[in-house]
Amino acid sequence: MPTPDFSLDELDKRILNAMQDNAARSNQELASMVHASAPTCLRRVKRLVDNGVIARQVAVLDPAKVGTGLTAIVEITLDVQSSERMAEFEALVAPEALVQQCYRVSQGPDFVLIMQMADMPAYHALAHRLFAGHANVRNVRCFFSVLRSKFETRIVV
C-alpha cells in the first residue's frame, strides 16, 4: 500500500541505481554494494515495491538474438483527438505484444509507438491489424532503425 508521505532518501537512491544495473543480485550482494545491512536492504526494497517506485523486475533481451531484430518507430495522427478517441486508440495498441511503448505526444503526431518485430512482413501484418482497420487513424509515418547505437532502461535518480 503506497505511503502518502513517501520520499526517496540517499539509501533508496543507491538501492535503485544498483538494481537498475542488475536486479538479479541477491539481497546480500545488494546490501553490500549499497553499504547497508541485509535486513535493512530487504525492508527498503519491499518499501520501494509497495510504493510503486519499482514497478517490476525484468530481463532485458537482445532483439537480434531472439529473432526480433526489426525496430519500428511509428508516428500516428488521429482524425479526431478527443480524450475518448485517444483512450480508444491506446486501448487498441495496449494489448499488442509487438508494441513495446506508446506515448501521447504534443506538437506533431498524436502518438509515437516503439515496436519490435521479426521482419517487414510482421510489421505489415501489425500495421494492417492496428492502423488500416481503424477508422480514426488519419496518418501513419514509420521509421525503421538501421542501427541501435544506444538502448538504456536506466532512470537517473
Protein backbone atom coordinates (compact mmCIF):
# COMPACT_ATOMS: atom_id res chain seq x y z
CA MET A 1 0.00 0.00 0.00
CA PRO A 2 1.58 3.36 -1.04
CA THR A 3 2.55 5.71 1.76
CA PRO A 4 1.24 9.28 1.28
CA ASP A 5 4.39 10.97 2.61
CA PHE A 6 6.81 8.70 0.73
CA SER A 7 10.09 10.20 -0.45
CA LEU A 8 13.43 8.80 -1.57
CA ASP A 9 16.50 9.20 0.61
CA GLU A 10 20.12 8.54 -0.33
CA LEU A 11 19.99 4.84 0.59
CA ASP A 12 16.88 4.37 -1.55
CA LYS A 13 18.68 6.03 -4.47
CA ARG A 14 21.74 3.80 -4.05
CA ILE A 15 19.49 0.73 -3.99
CA LEU A 16 17.62 1.87 -7.10
CA ASN A 17 20.81 2.63 -9.01
CA ALA A 18 22.33 -0.74 -8.10
CA MET A 19 19.13 -2.59 -9.04
CA GLN A 20 18.94 -0.83 -12.40
CA ASP A 21 22.36 -2.28 -13.23
CA ASN A 22 21.38 -5.80 -12.16
CA ALA A 23 18.18 -6.62 -10.32
CA ALA A 24 19.11 -10.31 -10.15
CA ARG A 25 21.67 -9.81 -7.37
CA SER A 26 21.00 -11.48 -4.07
CA ASN A 27 19.85 -9.27 -1.21
CA GLN A 28 23.19 -9.90 0.49
CA GLU A 29 25.11 -8.69 -2.59
CA LEU A 30 22.85 -5.68 -2.96
CA ALA A 31 23.21 -4.76 0.73
CA SER A 32 26.98 -4.96 0.47
CA MET A 33 27.02 -2.76 -2.63
CA VAL A 34 24.87 -0.03 -1.07
CA HIS A 35 26.55 -0.20 2.36
CA ALA A 36 23.51 -1.33 4.33
CA SER A 37 22.64 -4.38 6.39
CA ALA A 38 20.82 -7.19 4.61
CA PRO A 39 17.60 -6.78 6.68
CA THR A 40 17.58 -3.01 6.08
CA CYS A 41 18.11 -3.52 2.35
CA LEU A 42 15.34 -6.13 2.14
CA ARG A 43 12.94 -3.84 4.02
CA ARG A 44 13.83 -0.89 1.75
CA VAL A 45 13.34 -2.88 -1.46
CA LYS A 46 9.95 -4.08 -0.21
CA ARG A 47 9.01 -0.48 0.60
CA LEU A 48 10.09 0.65 -2.88
CA VAL A 49 7.98 -2.09 -4.46
CA ASP A 50 4.97 -1.41 -2.21
CA ASN A 51 5.09 2.31 -3.10
CA GLY A 52 5.28 1.60 -6.83
CA VAL A 53 8.78 3.03 -7.31
CA ILE A 54 9.95 -0.38 -8.52
CA ALA A 55 7.16 -1.22 -10.96
CA ARG A 56 8.56 -4.64 -11.90
CA GLN A 57 11.81 -6.51 -12.42
CA VAL A 58 12.50 -7.91 -15.89
CA ALA A 59 15.24 -9.37 -18.07
CA VAL A 60 16.38 -7.15 -20.96
CA LEU A 61 16.82 -9.26 -24.10
CA ASP A 62 18.91 -8.66 -27.20
CA PRO A 63 16.30 -8.43 -30.01
CA ALA A 64 18.67 -9.75 -32.70
CA LYS A 65 19.45 -12.88 -30.67
CA VAL A 66 15.80 -13.77 -30.16
CA GLY A 67 14.69 -13.15 -33.74
CA THR A 68 13.01 -9.76 -33.38
CA GLY A 69 15.62 -7.50 -34.93
CA LEU A 70 13.32 -5.02 -36.70
CA THR A 71 12.57 -1.87 -34.69
CA ALA A 72 9.89 0.49 -35.97
CA ILE A 73 9.29 3.98 -34.61
CA VAL A 74 5.79 4.92 -35.72
CA GLU A 75 4.03 8.28 -35.62
CA ILE A 76 0.25 8.13 -35.56
CA THR A 77 -2.09 11.06 -36.22
CA LEU A 78 -5.78 10.61 -35.49
CA ASP A 79 -8.68 12.27 -37.27
CA VAL A 80 -10.46 13.09 -34.01
CA GLN A 81 -8.32 13.96 -30.97
CA SER A 82 -10.95 13.89 -28.22
CA SER A 83 -9.89 12.26 -24.99
CA GLU A 84 -12.29 9.40 -25.63
CA ARG A 85 -10.84 8.71 -29.09
CA MET A 86 -7.25 8.96 -27.77
CA ALA A 87 -8.10 6.47 -24.99
CA GLU A 88 -9.75 4.22 -27.59
CA PHE A 89 -6.53 4.16 -29.63
CA GLU A 90 -4.44 3.45 -26.52
CA ALA A 91 -6.77 0.56 -25.67
CA LEU A 92 -6.28 -0.77 -29.21
CA VAL A 93 -2.48 -0.88 -29.02
CA ALA A 94 -2.02 -1.70 -25.31
CA PRO A 95 -2.60 -5.47 -25.56
CA GLU A 96 -0.40 -5.81 -28.67
CA ALA A 97 2.84 -7.54 -27.60
CA LEU A 98 4.86 -6.14 -30.52
CA VAL A 99 4.12 -2.57 -29.36
CA GLN A 100 6.67 -2.02 -26.62
CA GLN A 101 5.96 1.62 -25.89
CA CYS A 102 3.15 4.06 -26.66
CA TYR A 103 3.42 7.78 -25.98
CA ARG A 104 0.89 10.57 -26.39
CA VAL A 105 2.93 13.48 -27.69
CA SER A 106 2.37 17.14 -28.43
CA GLN A 107 3.29 19.35 -31.36
CA GLY A 108 3.09 16.90 -34.23
CA PRO A 109 1.59 13.44 -34.31
CA ASP A 110 -0.79 12.32 -31.58
CA PHE A 111 1.15 9.15 -30.69
CA VAL A 112 4.62 7.70 -31.08
CA LEU A 113 4.92 3.93 -30.85
CA ILE A 114 8.06 1.84 -30.47
CA MET A 115 7.54 -1.60 -31.96
CA GLN A 116 9.84 -4.62 -32.09
CA MET A 117 9.21 -7.46 -34.51
CA ALA A 118 10.90 -10.15 -36.58
CA ASP A 119 10.81 -8.66 -40.07
CA MET A 120 8.98 -6.49 -42.58
CA PRO A 121 6.11 -8.98 -43.18
CA ALA A 122 5.48 -8.94 -39.41
CA TYR A 123 5.39 -5.13 -39.49
CA HIS A 124 2.95 -5.12 -42.40
CA ALA A 125 0.64 -7.58 -40.63
CA LEU A 126 0.73 -5.50 -37.45
CA ALA A 127 0.21 -2.20 -39.29
CA HIS A 128 -2.74 -3.66 -41.18
CA ARG A 129 -4.27 -5.02 -37.97
CA LEU A 130 -3.79 -1.85 -35.91
CA PHE A 131 -3.88 1.05 -38.33
CA ALA A 132 -5.55 0.14 -41.63
CA GLY A 133 -8.70 -1.15 -39.99
CA HIS A 134 -9.01 1.71 -37.52
CA ALA A 135 -11.30 4.42 -38.87
CA ASN A 136 -9.84 7.18 -36.67
CA VAL A 137 -6.23 6.77 -37.85
CA ARG A 138 -5.56 9.58 -40.35
CA ASN A 139 -1.82 9.27 -40.89
CA VAL A 140 0.90 6.69 -40.17
CA ARG A 141 4.55 7.60 -40.56
CA CYS A 142 7.10 4.88 -39.86
CA PHE A 143 10.85 4.93 -39.36
CA PHE A 144 12.87 1.71 -39.28
CA SER A 145 16.02 1.51 -37.20
CA VAL A 146 19.14 0.66 -39.19
CA LEU A 147 21.41 0.72 -36.13
CA ARG A 148 20.74 0.85 -32.42
CA SER A 149 23.69 2.78 -31.05
CA LYS A 150 22.24 3.15 -27.55
CA PHE A 151 19.48 1.46 -25.59
CA GLU A 152 19.10 2.07 -21.90
CA THR A 153 16.40 1.38 -19.37
CA ARG A 154 18.06 3.32 -16.54
CA ILE A 155 16.32 6.32 -14.99
CA VAL A 156 18.60 8.78 -13.23
CA VAL A 157 17.65 9.08 -9.54
